[in-house]
Amino acid sequence: MYYLKNYMEEVVDSKIDLVLNSMDVCKCDKCKLDIKAIALNSLSPHYVVTDKGNLYSKLKEMEAQFEVDIETAIIKAAMTVSNNPRHQDGEE
């Protein structure tokens, strides 16, 4: 079976924890999803058609090619969310 996939989302998912762990920002589920959404909206989508077995190899190719842009987008998004968190008090 073939899938249409935005690999930028996969690469952001694979990098977000590493980047956020190096920052002093809220890592609650709400803030993390907001950071992911903002980062993805600032990156160009890269859609590919692949079968499930090729998912991992495609992800690794994209990761190497876009690593700096992705990490920069995550950092900028984390700073934006950190300055304007949408979670409720006590959710952190």
C-alpha atoms as a PDB file:
ATOM      1  CA  MET A   1       0.000   0.000   0.000  1.00  0.00           C
ATOM      2  CA  TYR A   2       1.260   3.486  -0.833  1.00  0.00           C
ATOM      3  CA  TYR A   3       1.045   6.581   1.325  1.00  0.00           C
ATOM      4  CA  LEU A   4       1.211  10.305   0.674  1.00  0.00           C
ATOM      5  CA  LYS A   5       3.330  11.781   3.434  1.00  0.00           C
ATOM      6  CA  ASN A   6       4.699  15.189   4.370  1.00  0.00           C
ATOM      7  CA  TYR A   7       8.159  14.164   5.501  1.00  0.00           C
ATOM      8  CA  MET A   8       8.794  17.516   7.130  1.00  0.00           C
ATOM      9  CA  GLU A   9       6.312  16.441   9.795  1.00  0.00           C
ATOM     10  CA  GLU A  10       8.223  13.199  10.359  1.00  0.00           C
ATOM     11  CA  VAL A  11      11.553  15.016  10.623  1.00  0.00           C
ATOM     12  CA  VAL A  12      10.148  17.643  13.010  1.00  0.00           C
ATOM     13  CA  ASP A  13       8.758  14.799  15.143  1.00  0.00           C
ATOM     14  CA  SER A  14      12.174  13.153  15.209  1.00  0.00           C
ATOM     15  CA  LYS A  15      13.976  16.390  16.235  1.00  0.00           C
ATOM     16  CA  ILE A  16      11.554  18.220  18.521  1.00  0.00           C
ATOM     17  CA  ASP A  17      12.401  16.471  21.797  1.00  0.00           C
ATOM     18  CA  LEU A  18      16.152  16.846  21.286  1.00  0.00           C
ATOM     19  CA  VAL A  19      15.829  20.554  20.517  1.00  0.00           C
ATOM     20  CA  LEU A  20      13.351  21.287  23.318  1.00  0.00           C
ATOM     21  CA  ASN A  21      15.405  19.403  25.898  1.00  0.00           C
ATOM     22  CA  SER A  22      18.223  21.876  25.291  1.00  0.00           C
ATOM     23  CA  MET A  23      15.897  24.821  25.944  1.00  0.00           C
ATOM     24  CA  ASP A  24      14.236  26.213  29.061  1.00  0.00           C
ATOM     25  CA  VAL A  25      10.677  26.133  27.694  1.00  0.00           C
ATOM     26  CA  CYS A  26       7.439  24.423  28.664  1.00  0.00           C
ATOM     27  CA  LYS A  27       7.259  20.906  27.259  1.00  0.00           C
ATOM     28  CA  CYS A  28       3.631  20.104  28.092  1.00  0.00           C
ATOM     29  CA  ASP A  29       1.612  18.417  25.343  1.00  0.00           C
ATOM     30  CA  LYS A  30      -0.261  21.629  24.448  1.00  0.00           C
ATOM     31  CA  CYS A  31       2.884  23.744  24.107  1.00  0.00           C
ATOM     32  CA  LYS A  32       4.712  20.986  22.231  1.00  0.00           C
ATOM     33  CA  LEU A  33       1.879  20.710  19.689  1.00  0.00           C
ATOM     34  CA  ASP A  34       1.799  24.502  19.299  1.00  0.00           C
ATOM     35  CA  ILE A  35       5.572  24.505  18.712  1.00  0.00           C
ATOM     36  CA  LYS A  36       5.237  21.717  16.150  1.00  0.00           C
ATOM     37  CA  ALA A  37       2.414  23.521  14.302  1.00  0.00           C
ATOM     38  CA  ILE A  38       4.290  26.833  14.164  1.00  0.00           C
ATOM     39  CA  ALA A  39       7.513  25.132  13.038  1.00  0.00           C
ATOM     40  CA  LEU A  40       5.727  23.184  10.293  1.00  0.00           C
ATOM     41  CA  ASN A  41       3.909  26.294   9.082  1.00  0.00           C
ATOM     42  CA  SER A  42       7.257  28.034   8.661  1.00  0.00           C
ATOM     43  CA  LEU A  43       8.807  25.145   6.682  1.00  0.00           C
ATOM     44  CA  SER A  44       8.028  24.162   3.116  1.00  0.00           C
ATOM     45  CA  PRO A  45       6.138  20.871   2.934  1.00  0.00           C
ATOM     46  CA  HIS A  46       7.854  17.981   1.175  1.00  0.00           C
ATOM     47  CA  TYR A  47       5.289  15.437   0.092  1.00  0.00           C
ATOM     48  CA  VAL A  48       6.374  12.058  -1.193  1.00  0.00           C
ATOM     49  CA  VAL A  49       4.592   8.878  -2.145  1.00  0.00           C
ATOM     50  CA  THR A  50       6.095   5.829  -0.545  1.00  0.00           C
ATOM     51  CA  ASP A  51       5.207   2.428   0.754  1.00  0.00           C
ATOM     52  CA  LYS A  52       5.400   1.779   4.475  1.00  0.00           C
ATOM     53  CA  GLY A  53       8.718  -0.044   4.175  1.00  0.00           C
ATOM     54  CA  ASN A  54      10.460   2.998   2.688  1.00  0.00           C
ATOM     55  CA  LEU A  55       9.296   5.374   5.395  1.00  0.00           C
ATOM     56  CA  TYR A  56      12.427   5.113   7.528  1.00  0.00           C
ATOM     57  CA  SER A  57      14.947   5.485   4.698  1.00  0.00           C
ATOM     58  CA  LYS A  58      13.124   8.510   3.254  1.00  0.00           C
ATOM     59  CA  LEU A  59      13.019  10.086   6.714  1.00  0.00           C
ATOM     60  CA  LYS A  60      16.786   9.718   7.096  1.00  0.00           C
ATOM     61  CA  GLU A  61      17.404  11.330   3.687  1.00  0.00           C
ATOM     62  CA  MET A  62      15.202  14.303   4.531  1.00  0.00           C
ATOM     63  CA  GLU A  63      16.687  14.641   8.004  1.00  0.00           C
ATOM     64  CA  ALA A  64      20.227  15.156   6.720  1.00  0.00           C
ATOM     65  CA  GLN A  65      19.167  17.598   4.022  1.00  0.00           C
ATOM     66  CA  PHE A  66      16.984  19.872   6.168  1.00  0.00           C
ATOM     67  CA  GLU A  67      18.464  19.484   9.660  1.00  0.00           C
ATOM     68  CA  VAL A  68      19.568  23.095  10.198  1.00  0.00           C
ATOM     69  CA  ASP A  69      16.352  24.628   8.827  1.00  0.00           C
ATOM     70  CA  ILE A  70      14.231  22.310  10.931  1.00  0.00           C
ATOM     71  CA  GLU A  71      16.125  22.936  14.158  1.00  0.00           C
ATOM     72  CA  THR A  72      15.981  26.692  13.540  1.00  0.00           C
ATOM     73  CA  ALA A  73      12.214  26.532  12.916  1.00  0.00           C
ATOM     74  CA  ILE A  74      11.687  24.535  16.127  1.00  0.00           C
ATOM     75  CA  ILE A  75      13.778  26.997  18.172  1.00  0.00           C
ATOM     76  CA  LYS A  76      11.919  30.030  16.775  1.00  0.00           C
ATOM     77  CA  ALA A  77       8.559  28.332  17.364  1.00  0.00           C
ATOM     78  CA  ALA A  78       9.538  27.388  20.929  1.00  0.00           C
ATOM     79  CA  MET A  79      10.472  31.006  21.677  1.00  0.00           C
ATOM     80  CA  THR A  80       7.141  32.201  20.254  1.00  0.00           C
ATOM     81  CA  VAL A  81       5.151  29.693  22.334  1.00  0.00           C
ATOM     82  CA  SER A  82       7.260  30.375  25.426  1.00  0.00           C
ATOM     83  CA  ASN A  83       6.399  34.078  25.180  1.00  0.00           C
ATOM     84  CA  ASN A  84       2.676  33.317  24.679  1.00  0.00           C
ATOM     85  CA  PRO A  85       1.814  29.885  26.156  1.00  0.00           C
ATOM     86  CA  ARG A  86      -1.773  28.739  25.647  1.00  0.00           C
ATOM     87  CA  HIS A  87      -1.852  26.036  28.325  1.00  0.00           C
ATOM     88  CA  GLN A  88      -3.832  26.553  31.529  1.00  0.00           C
ATOM     89  CA  ASP A  89      -2.017  27.206  34.803  1.00  0.00           C
ATOM     90  CA  GLY A  90      -1.020  23.907  36.344  1.00  0.00           C
ATOM     91  CA  GLU A  91      -0.779  22.097  32.989  1.00  0.00           C
ATOM     92  CA  GLU A  92       2.970  22.537  32.635  1.00  0.00           C
END
